[in-house]
């Protein structure tokens, strides 16, 4: 996960927090968070990077809609990231 950009990490968290979201749902969630428009030219290449790294799986809902889910490896990476963060930030 150390080699991901902040945007890619945010994508991974959003995908992990939803049930097989499609690209538009991911885009809308990130636009709410960033409070600005996320262009397709930024979103989809970064999603493809997560797929290429084996962190996210890309499937199809229908002929026009792709859905995304976090792989086991992606889940392990998220857990490792949270463990690492908790060494520095204790919010309990």
PDB file of N, CA and C in Angstrom:
ATOM      1  N   UNK A   1       0.823  -1.189   0.000  1.00  0.00           N
ATOM      2  CA  UNK A   1       0.000   0.000   0.000  1.00  0.00           C
ATOM      3  C   UNK A   1       0.870   1.257   0.000  1.00  0.00           C
ATOM      4  N   UNK A   2       2.123   1.116   0.414  1.00  0.00           N
ATOM      5  CA  UNK A   2       3.032   2.255   0.474  1.00  0.00           C
ATOM      6  C   UNK A   2       3.244   2.911  -0.883  1.00  0.00           C
ATOM      7  N   UNK A   3       3.023   2.172  -1.960  1.00  0.00           N
ATOM      8  CA  UNK A   3       3.268   2.720  -3.289  1.00  0.00           C
ATOM      9  C   UNK A   3       2.014   3.307  -3.939  1.00  0.00           C
ATOM     10  N   UNK A   4       0.916   3.392  -3.192  1.00  0.00           N
ATOM     11  CA  UNK A   4      -0.303   3.995  -3.710  1.00  0.00           C
ATOM     12  C   UNK A   4      -0.311   5.490  -3.428  1.00  0.00           C
ATOM     13  N   UNK A   5      -0.970   6.231  -4.298  1.00  0.00           N
ATOM     14  CA  UNK A   5      -1.184   7.650  -4.026  1.00  0.00           C
ATOM     15  C   UNK A   5      -2.305   7.768  -2.994  1.00  0.00           C
ATOM     16  N   UNK A   6      -2.448   8.922  -2.407  1.00  0.00           N
ATOM     17  CA  UNK A   6      -3.534   9.158  -1.473  1.00  0.00           C
ATOM     18  C   UNK A   6      -4.892   8.937  -2.132  1.00  0.00           C
ATOM     19  N   UNK A   7      -5.022   9.355  -3.380  1.00  0.00           N
ATOM     20  CA  UNK A   7      -6.276   9.171  -4.104  1.00  0.00           C
ATOM     21  C   UNK A   7      -6.575   7.689  -4.291  1.00  0.00           C
ATOM     22  N   UNK A   8      -5.570   6.916  -4.610  1.00  0.00           N
ATOM     23  CA  UNK A   8      -5.764   5.472  -4.780  1.00  0.00           C
ATOM     24  C   UNK A   8      -6.152   4.812  -3.462  1.00  0.00           C
ATOM     25  N   UNK A   9      -5.550   5.251  -2.359  1.00  0.00           N
ATOM     26  CA  UNK A   9      -5.949   4.721  -1.045  1.00  0.00           C
ATOM     27  C   UNK A   9      -7.400   5.072  -0.755  1.00  0.00           C
ATOM     28  N   UNK A  10      -7.783   6.303  -1.063  1.00  0.00           N
ATOM     29  CA  UNK A  10      -9.175   6.707  -0.840  1.00  0.00           C
ATOM     30  C   UNK A  10     -10.123   5.858  -1.683  1.00  0.00           C
ATOM     31  N   UNK A  11      -9.753   5.576  -2.913  1.00  0.00           N
ATOM     32  CA  UNK A  11     -10.552   4.692  -3.763  1.00  0.00           C
ATOM     33  C   UNK A  11     -10.724   3.330  -3.104  1.00  0.00           C
ATOM     34  N   UNK A  12      -9.648   2.795  -2.598  1.00  0.00           N
ATOM     35  CA  UNK A  12      -9.679   1.480  -1.971  1.00  0.00           C
ATOM     36  C   UNK A  12     -10.610   1.479  -0.758  1.00  0.00           C
ATOM     37  N   UNK A  13     -10.532   2.516   0.055  1.00  0.00           N
ATOM     38  CA  UNK A  13     -11.416   2.612   1.220  1.00  0.00           C
ATOM     39  C   UNK A  13     -12.880   2.724   0.801  1.00  0.00           C
ATOM     40  N   UNK A  14     -13.165   3.519  -0.203  1.00  0.00           N
ATOM     41  CA  UNK A  14     -14.547   3.681  -0.671  1.00  0.00           C
ATOM     42  C   UNK A  14     -15.089   2.355  -1.193  1.00  0.00           C
ATOM     43  N   UNK A  15     -14.302   1.662  -1.978  1.00  0.00           N
ATOM     44  CA  UNK A  15     -14.742   0.370  -2.527  1.00  0.00           C
ATOM     45  C   UNK A  15     -14.978  -0.629  -1.397  1.00  0.00           C
ATOM     46  N   UNK A  16     -14.096  -0.632  -0.401  1.00  0.00           N
ATOM     47  CA  UNK A  16     -14.238  -1.556   0.725  1.00  0.00           C
ATOM     48  C   UNK A  16     -15.491  -1.260   1.542  1.00  0.00           C
ATOM     49  N   UNK A  17     -15.922  -0.018   1.539  1.00  0.00           N
ATOM     50  CA  UNK A  17     -17.062   0.375   2.344  1.00  0.00           C
ATOM     51  C   UNK A  17     -18.408   0.212   1.671  1.00  0.00           C
ATOM     52  N   UNK A  18     -18.423  -0.276   0.439  1.00  0.00           N
ATOM     53  CA  UNK A  18     -19.674  -0.450  -0.295  1.00  0.00           C
ATOM     54  C   UNK A  18     -19.748  -1.866  -0.838  1.00  0.00           C
ATOM     55  N   UNK A  19     -20.951  -2.296  -1.172  1.00  0.00           N
ATOM     56  CA  UNK A  19     -21.144  -3.622  -1.756  1.00  0.00           C
ATOM     57  C   UNK A  19     -21.062  -3.533  -3.274  1.00  0.00           C
ATOM     58  N   UNK A  20     -19.943  -3.970  -3.819  1.00  0.00           N
ATOM     59  CA  UNK A  20     -19.725  -3.992  -5.269  1.00  0.00           C
ATOM     60  C   UNK A  20     -20.183  -2.707  -5.966  1.00  0.00           C
ATOM     61  N   UNK A  21     -19.590  -1.571  -5.577  1.00  0.00           N
ATOM     62  CA  UNK A  21     -20.011  -0.312  -6.187  1.00  0.00           C
ATOM     63  C   UNK A  21     -19.597  -0.221  -7.653  1.00  0.00           C
ATOM     64  N   UNK A  22     -20.370   0.519  -8.417  1.00  0.00           N
ATOM     65  CA  UNK A  22     -20.004   0.802  -9.809  1.00  0.00           C
ATOM     66  C   UNK A  22     -19.249   2.124  -9.828  1.00  0.00           C
ATOM     67  N   UNK A  23     -18.645   2.418 -10.958  1.00  0.00           N
ATOM     68  CA  UNK A  23     -17.781   3.587 -11.070  1.00  0.00           C
ATOM     69  C   UNK A  23     -18.449   4.885 -10.668  1.00  0.00           C
ATOM     70  N   UNK A  24     -19.706   5.080 -11.093  1.00  0.00           N
ATOM     71  CA  UNK A  24     -20.398   6.329 -10.789  1.00  0.00           C
ATOM     72  C   UNK A  24     -20.639   6.479  -9.282  1.00  0.00           C
ATOM     73  N   UNK A  25     -20.963   5.395  -8.593  1.00  0.00           N
ATOM     74  CA  UNK A  25     -21.159   5.452  -7.138  1.00  0.00           C
ATOM     75  C   UNK A  25     -19.851   5.809  -6.435  1.00  0.00           C
ATOM     76  N   UNK A  26     -18.752   5.254  -6.900  1.00  0.00           N
ATOM     77  CA  UNK A  26     -17.437   5.567  -6.334  1.00  0.00           C
ATOM     78  C   UNK A  26     -17.122   7.033  -6.581  1.00  0.00           C
ATOM     79  N   UNK A  27     -17.354   7.478  -7.796  1.00  0.00           N
ATOM     80  CA  UNK A  27     -17.103   8.870  -8.178  1.00  0.00           C
ATOM     81  C   UNK A  27     -17.902   9.826  -7.299  1.00  0.00           C
ATOM     82  N   UNK A  28     -19.177   9.549  -7.098  1.00  0.00           N
ATOM     83  CA  UNK A  28     -20.028  10.420  -6.289  1.00  0.00           C
ATOM     84  C   UNK A  28     -19.559  10.470  -4.835  1.00  0.00           C
ATOM     85  N   UNK A  29     -19.169   9.328  -4.304  1.00  0.00           N
ATOM     86  CA  UNK A  29     -18.674   9.284  -2.919  1.00  0.00           C
ATOM     87  C   UNK A  29     -17.412  10.128  -2.763  1.00  0.00           C
ATOM     88  N   UNK A  30     -16.493  10.010  -3.715  1.00  0.00           N
ATOM     89  CA  UNK A  30     -15.259  10.790  -3.641  1.00  0.00           C
ATOM     90  C   UNK A  30     -15.519  12.276  -3.868  1.00  0.00           C
ATOM     91  N   UNK A  31     -16.468  12.604  -4.721  1.00  0.00           N
ATOM     92  CA  UNK A  31     -16.803  14.012  -4.929  1.00  0.00           C
ATOM     93  C   UNK A  31     -17.368  14.632  -3.652  1.00  0.00           C
ATOM     94  N   UNK A  32     -18.156  13.861  -2.915  1.00  0.00           N
ATOM     95  CA  UNK A  32     -18.657  14.353  -1.627  1.00  0.00           C
ATOM     96  C   UNK A  32     -17.507  14.595  -0.660  1.00  0.00           C
ATOM     97  N   UNK A  33     -16.560  13.664  -0.636  1.00  0.00           N
ATOM     98  CA  UNK A  33     -15.427  13.778   0.281  1.00  0.00           C
ATOM     99  C   UNK A  33     -14.500  14.935  -0.109  1.00  0.00           C
ATOM    100  N   UNK A  34     -14.128  14.995  -1.375  1.00  0.00           N
ATOM    101  CA  UNK A  34     -13.189  16.018  -1.844  1.00  0.00           C
ATOM    102  C   UNK A  34     -13.846  17.376  -2.077  1.00  0.00           C
ATOM    103  N   UNK A  35     -15.185  17.376  -2.115  1.00  0.00           N
ATOM    104  CA  UNK A  35     -15.952  18.588  -2.373  1.00  0.00           C
ATOM    105  C   UNK A  35     -15.568  19.250  -3.695  1.00  0.00           C
ATOM    106  N   UNK A  36     -15.305  18.411  -4.687  1.00  0.00           N
ATOM    107  CA  UNK A  36     -15.060  18.895  -6.044  1.00  0.00           C
ATOM    108  C   UNK A  36     -15.283  17.746  -7.017  1.00  0.00           C
ATOM    109  N   UNK A  37     -15.396  18.102  -8.279  1.00  0.00           N
ATOM    110  CA  UNK A  37     -15.678  17.101  -9.304  1.00  0.00           C
ATOM    111  C   UNK A  37     -14.458  16.208  -9.540  1.00  0.00           C
ATOM    112  N   UNK A  38     -14.725  14.925  -9.665  1.00  0.00           N
ATOM    113  CA  UNK A  38     -13.689  13.958 -10.015  1.00  0.00           C
ATOM    114  C   UNK A  38     -13.936  13.574 -11.472  1.00  0.00           C
ATOM    115  N   UNK A  39     -12.986  13.847 -12.317  1.00  0.00           N
ATOM    116  CA  UNK A  39     -13.135  13.562 -13.745  1.00  0.00           C
ATOM    117  C   UNK A  39     -12.877  12.083 -14.039  1.00  0.00           C
ATOM    118  N   UNK A  40     -13.565  11.588 -15.050  1.00  0.00           N
ATOM    119  CA  UNK A  40     -13.401  10.191 -15.461  1.00  0.00           C
ATOM    120  C   UNK A  40     -11.947   9.878 -15.779  1.00  0.00           C
ATOM    121  N   UNK A  41     -11.236  10.848 -16.356  1.00  0.00           N
ATOM    122  CA  UNK A  41      -9.835  10.661 -16.712  1.00  0.00           C
ATOM    123  C   UNK A  41      -8.926  10.475 -15.516  1.00  0.00           C
ATOM    124  N   UNK A  42      -9.404  10.833 -14.350  1.00  0.00           N
ATOM    125  CA  UNK A  42      -8.653  10.591 -13.112  1.00  0.00           C
ATOM    126  C   UNK A  42      -9.130   9.309 -12.444  1.00  0.00           C
ATOM    127  N   UNK A  43     -10.424   9.111 -12.431  1.00  0.00           N
ATOM    128  CA  UNK A  43     -11.012   7.982 -11.715  1.00  0.00           C
ATOM    129  C   UNK A  43     -10.626   6.636 -12.310  1.00  0.00           C
ATOM    130  N   UNK A  44     -10.936   6.434 -13.578  1.00  0.00           N
ATOM    131  CA  UNK A  44     -10.808   5.094 -14.152  1.00  0.00           C
ATOM    132  C   UNK A  44      -9.373   4.607 -14.312  1.00  0.00           C
ATOM    133  N   UNK A  45      -8.420   5.458 -14.679  1.00  0.00           N
ATOM    134  CA  UNK A  45      -7.032   4.962 -14.694  1.00  0.00           C
ATOM    135  C   UNK A  45      -6.546   4.534 -13.304  1.00  0.00           C
ATOM    136  N   UNK A  46      -6.987   5.242 -12.267  1.00  0.00           N
ATOM    137  CA  UNK A  46      -6.594   4.865 -10.908  1.00  0.00           C
ATOM    138  C   UNK A  46      -7.281   3.585 -10.462  1.00  0.00           C
ATOM    139  N   UNK A  47      -8.539   3.386 -10.858  1.00  0.00           N
ATOM    140  CA  UNK A  47      -9.205   2.111 -10.592  1.00  0.00           C
ATOM    141  C   UNK A  47      -8.465   0.977 -11.288  1.00  0.00           C
ATOM    142  N   UNK A  48      -8.062   1.207 -12.538  1.00  0.00           N
ATOM    143  CA  UNK A  48      -7.318   0.183 -13.278  1.00  0.00           C
ATOM    144  C   UNK A  48      -5.995  -0.147 -12.595  1.00  0.00           C
ATOM    145  N   UNK A  49      -5.339   0.848 -12.018  1.00  0.00           N
ATOM    146  CA  UNK A  49      -4.092   0.616 -11.290  1.00  0.00           C
ATOM    147  C   UNK A  49      -4.337  -0.304 -10.099  1.00  0.00           C
ATOM    148  N   UNK A  50      -5.423  -0.068  -9.370  1.00  0.00           N
ATOM    149  CA  UNK A  50      -5.743  -0.929  -8.223  1.00  0.00           C
ATOM    150  C   UNK A  50      -6.047  -2.349  -8.672  1.00  0.00           C
ATOM    151  N   UNK A  51      -6.694  -2.488  -9.818  1.00  0.00           N
ATOM    152  CA  UNK A  51      -6.961  -3.814 -10.377  1.00  0.00           C
ATOM    153  C   UNK A  51      -5.641  -4.478 -10.763  1.00  0.00           C
ATOM    154  N   UNK A  52      -4.771  -3.733 -11.453  1.00  0.00           N
ATOM    155  CA  UNK A  52      -3.477  -4.276 -11.892  1.00  0.00           C
ATOM    156  C   UNK A  52      -2.610  -4.711 -10.712  1.00  0.00           C
ATOM    157  N   UNK A  53      -2.727  -4.029  -9.585  1.00  0.00           N
ATOM    158  CA  UNK A  53      -1.939  -4.370  -8.395  1.00  0.00           C
ATOM    159  C   UNK A  53      -2.563  -5.511  -7.596  1.00  0.00           C
ATOM    160  N   UNK A  54      -3.739  -5.982  -8.022  1.00  0.00           N
ATOM    161  CA  UNK A  54      -4.382  -7.096  -7.343  1.00  0.00           C
ATOM    162  C   UNK A  54      -5.112  -6.716  -6.073  1.00  0.00           C
ATOM    163  N   UNK A  55      -5.373  -5.429  -5.882  1.00  0.00           N
ATOM    164  CA  UNK A  55      -6.052  -4.960  -4.676  1.00  0.00           C
ATOM    165  C   UNK A  55      -7.565  -4.892  -4.860  1.00  0.00           C
ATOM    166  N   UNK A  56      -7.989  -4.756  -6.105  1.00  0.00           N
ATOM    167  CA  UNK A  56      -9.398  -4.620  -6.446  1.00  0.00           C
ATOM    168  C   UNK A  56      -9.707  -5.545  -7.605  1.00  0.00           C
ATOM    169  N   UNK A  57     -10.892  -6.117  -7.579  1.00  0.00           N
ATOM    170  CA  UNK A  57     -11.362  -6.953  -8.683  1.00  0.00           C
ATOM    171  C   UNK A  57     -12.447  -6.195  -9.431  1.00  0.00           C
ATOM    172  N   UNK A  58     -12.372  -6.255 -10.743  1.00  0.00           N
ATOM    173  CA  UNK A  58     -13.342  -5.578 -11.600  1.00  0.00           C
ATOM    174  C   UNK A  58     -14.253  -6.627 -12.220  1.00  0.00           C
ATOM    175  N   UNK A  59     -15.540  -6.455 -12.035  1.00  0.00           N
ATOM    176  CA  UNK A  59     -16.518  -7.370 -12.611  1.00  0.00           C
ATOM    177  C   UNK A  59     -17.533  -6.586 -13.416  1.00  0.00           C
ATOM    178  N   UNK A  60     -18.532  -7.269 -13.922  1.00  0.00           N
ATOM    179  CA  UNK A  60     -19.560  -6.592 -14.702  1.00  0.00           C
ATOM    180  C   UNK A  60     -20.934  -6.847 -14.096  1.00  0.00           C
ATOM    181  N   UNK A  61     -21.709  -5.789 -14.046  1.00  0.00           N
ATOM    182  CA  UNK A  61     -23.093  -5.887 -13.583  1.00  0.00           C
ATOM    183  C   UNK A  61     -23.993  -6.146 -14.784  1.00  0.00           C
ATOM    184  N   UNK A  62     -23.721  -5.436 -15.853  1.00  0.00           N
ATOM    185  CA  UNK A  62     -24.401  -5.628 -17.127  1.00  0.00           C
ATOM    186  C   UNK A  62     -23.430  -5.188 -18.215  1.00  0.00           C
ATOM    187  N   UNK A  63     -23.880  -5.125 -19.436  1.00  0.00           N
ATOM    188  CA  UNK A  63     -22.952  -4.823 -20.534  1.00  0.00           C
ATOM    189  C   UNK A  63     -22.334  -3.438 -20.446  1.00  0.00           C
ATOM    190  N   UNK A  64     -22.952  -2.544 -19.692  1.00  0.00           N
ATOM    191  CA  UNK A  64     -22.452  -1.173 -19.637  1.00  0.00           C
ATOM    192  C   UNK A  64     -21.865  -0.784 -18.286  1.00  0.00           C
ATOM    193  N   UNK A  65     -22.025  -1.625 -17.281  1.00  0.00           N
ATOM    194  CA  UNK A  65     -21.660  -1.229 -15.927  1.00  0.00           C
ATOM    195  C   UNK A  65     -20.651  -2.194 -15.321  1.00  0.00           C
ATOM    196  N   UNK A  66     -19.518  -1.630 -14.906  1.00  0.00           N
ATOM    197  CA  UNK A  66     -18.523  -2.408 -14.168  1.00  0.00           C
ATOM    198  C   UNK A  66     -18.748  -2.216 -12.681  1.00  0.00           C
ATOM    199  N   UNK A  67     -18.476  -3.257 -11.924  1.00  0.00           N
ATOM    200  CA  UNK A  67     -18.532  -3.174 -10.466  1.00  0.00           C
ATOM    201  C   UNK A  67     -17.160  -3.549  -9.919  1.00  0.00           C
ATOM    202  N   UNK A  68     -16.876  -3.048  -8.728  1.00  0.00           N
ATOM    203  CA  UNK A  68     -15.556  -3.232  -8.139  1.00  0.00           C
ATOM    204  C   UNK A  68     -15.698  -3.804  -6.739  1.00  0.00           C
ATOM    205  N   UNK A  69     -14.759  -4.654  -6.365  1.00  0.00           N
ATOM    206  CA  UNK A  69     -14.723  -5.198  -5.012  1.00  0.00           C
ATOM    207  C   UNK A  69     -13.267  -5.357  -4.589  1.00  0.00           C
ATOM    208  N   UNK A  70     -13.056  -5.236  -3.299  1.00  0.00           N
ATOM    209  CA  UNK A  70     -11.703  -5.367  -2.751  1.00  0.00           C
ATOM    210  C   UNK A  70     -11.369  -6.859  -2.674  1.00  0.00           C
ATOM    211  N   UNK A  71     -10.177  -7.200  -3.095  1.00  0.00           N
ATOM    212  CA  UNK A  71      -9.705  -8.585  -3.034  1.00  0.00           C
ATOM    213  C   UNK A  71      -9.231  -8.903  -1.619  1.00  0.00           C
ATOM    214  N   UNK A  72      -8.922 -10.157  -1.374  1.00  0.00           N
ATOM    215  CA  UNK A  72      -8.350 -10.534  -0.069  1.00  0.00           C
ATOM    216  C   UNK A  72      -7.048  -9.787   0.183  1.00  0.00           C
ATOM    217  N   UNK A  73      -6.258  -9.682  -0.865  1.00  0.00           N
ATOM    218  CA  UNK A  73      -5.004  -8.935  -0.725  1.00  0.00           C
ATOM    219  C   UNK A  73      -5.295  -7.483  -0.373  1.00  0.00           C
ATOM    220  N   UNK A  74      -6.271  -6.887  -1.028  1.00  0.00           N
ATOM    221  CA  UNK A  74      -6.647  -5.508  -0.731  1.00  0.00           C
ATOM    222  C   UNK A  74      -7.093  -5.342   0.710  1.00  0.00           C
ATOM    223  N   UNK A  75      -7.862  -6.309   1.204  1.00  0.00           N
ATOM    224  CA  UNK A  75      -8.308  -6.270   2.601  1.00  0.00           C
ATOM    225  C   UNK A  75      -7.120  -6.374   3.547  1.00  0.00           C
ATOM    226  N   UNK A  76      -6.183  -7.272   3.246  1.00  0.00           N
ATOM    227  CA  UNK A  76      -4.979  -7.391   4.077  1.00  0.00           C
ATOM    228  C   UNK A  76      -4.191  -6.083   4.077  1.00  0.00           C
ATOM    229  N   UNK A  77      -4.088  -5.451   2.923  1.00  0.00           N
ATOM    230  CA  UNK A  77      -3.352  -4.183   2.827  1.00  0.00           C
ATOM    231  C   UNK A  77      -4.046  -3.091   3.643  1.00  0.00           C
ATOM    232  N   UNK A  78      -5.380  -3.051   3.588  1.00  0.00           N
ATOM    233  CA  UNK A  78      -6.119  -2.070   4.388  1.00  0.00           C
ATOM    234  C   UNK A  78      -5.909  -2.318   5.879  1.00  0.00           C
ATOM    235  N   UNK A  79      -5.953  -3.570   6.288  1.00  0.00           N
ATOM    236  CA  UNK A  79      -5.735  -3.902   7.698  1.00  0.00           C
ATOM    237  C   UNK A  79      -4.329  -3.531   8.132  1.00  0.00           C
ATOM    238  N   UNK A  80      -3.347  -3.814   7.300  1.00  0.00           N
ATOM    239  CA  UNK A  80      -1.961  -3.465   7.622  1.00  0.00           C
ATOM    240  C   UNK A  80      -1.802  -1.952   7.719  1.00  0.00           C
ATOM    241  N   UNK A  81      -2.469  -1.227   6.859  1.00  0.00           N
ATOM    242  CA  UNK A  81      -2.400   0.238   6.888  1.00  0.00           C
ATOM    243  C   UNK A  81      -3.004   0.770   8.187  1.00  0.00           C
ATOM    244  N   UNK A  82      -4.138   0.216   8.575  1.00  0.00           N
ATOM    245  CA  UNK A  82      -4.783   0.666   9.818  1.00  0.00           C
ATOM    246  C   UNK A  82      -3.920   0.335  11.024  1.00  0.00           C
ATOM    247  N   UNK A  83      -3.281  -0.820  11.025  1.00  0.00           N
ATOM    248  CA  UNK A  83      -2.365  -1.169  12.114  1.00  0.00           C
ATOM    249  C   UNK A  83      -1.210  -0.184  12.176  1.00  0.00           C
ATOM    250  N   UNK A  84      -0.661   0.146  11.019  1.00  0.00           N
ATOM    251  CA  UNK A  84       0.455   1.087  10.961  1.00  0.00           C
ATOM    252  C   UNK A  84       0.011   2.462  11.454  1.00  0.00           C
ATOM    253  N   UNK A  85      -1.162   2.917  10.988  1.00  0.00           N
ATOM    254  CA  UNK A  85      -1.670   4.224  11.419  1.00  0.00           C
ATOM    255  C   UNK A  85      -1.904   4.270  12.924  1.00  0.00           C
ATOM    256  N   UNK A  86      -2.395   3.158  13.486  1.00  0.00           N
ATOM    257  CA  UNK A  86      -2.722   3.155  14.914  1.00  0.00           C
ATOM    258  C   UNK A  86      -1.490   3.286  15.792  1.00  0.00           C
ATOM    259  N   UNK A  87      -0.311   3.040  15.252  1.00  0.00           N
ATOM    260  CA  UNK A  87       0.928   3.259  16.009  1.00  0.00           C
ATOM    261  C   UNK A  87       1.143   4.750  16.282  1.00  0.00           C
ATOM    262  N   UNK A  88       0.583   5.579  15.415  1.00  0.00           N
ATOM    263  CA  UNK A  88       0.832   7.003  15.474  1.00  0.00           C
ATOM    264  C   UNK A  88      -0.370   7.815  15.931  1.00  0.00           C
ATOM    265  N   UNK A  89      -1.555   7.285  15.697  1.00  0.00           N
ATOM    266  CA  UNK A  89      -2.772   8.002  16.046  1.00  0.00           C
ATOM    267  C   UNK A  89      -3.679   7.074  16.827  1.00  0.00           C
ATOM    268  N   UNK A  90      -3.944   7.420  18.073  1.00  0.00           N
ATOM    269  CA  UNK A  90      -4.842   6.640  18.898  1.00  0.00           C
ATOM    270  C   UNK A  90      -6.089   7.473  19.136  1.00  0.00           C
ATOM    271  N   UNK A  91      -7.177   7.092  18.491  1.00  0.00           N
ATOM    272  CA  UNK A  91      -8.410   7.865  18.591  1.00  0.00           C
ATOM    273  C   UNK A  91      -9.381   7.309  19.617  1.00  0.00           C
ATOM    274  N   UNK A  92      -8.962   6.329  20.394  1.00  0.00           N
ATOM    275  CA  UNK A  92      -9.870   5.749  21.404  1.00  0.00           C
ATOM    276  C   UNK A  92      -9.983   6.604  22.630  1.00  0.00           C
TER     277      UNK A  92
END
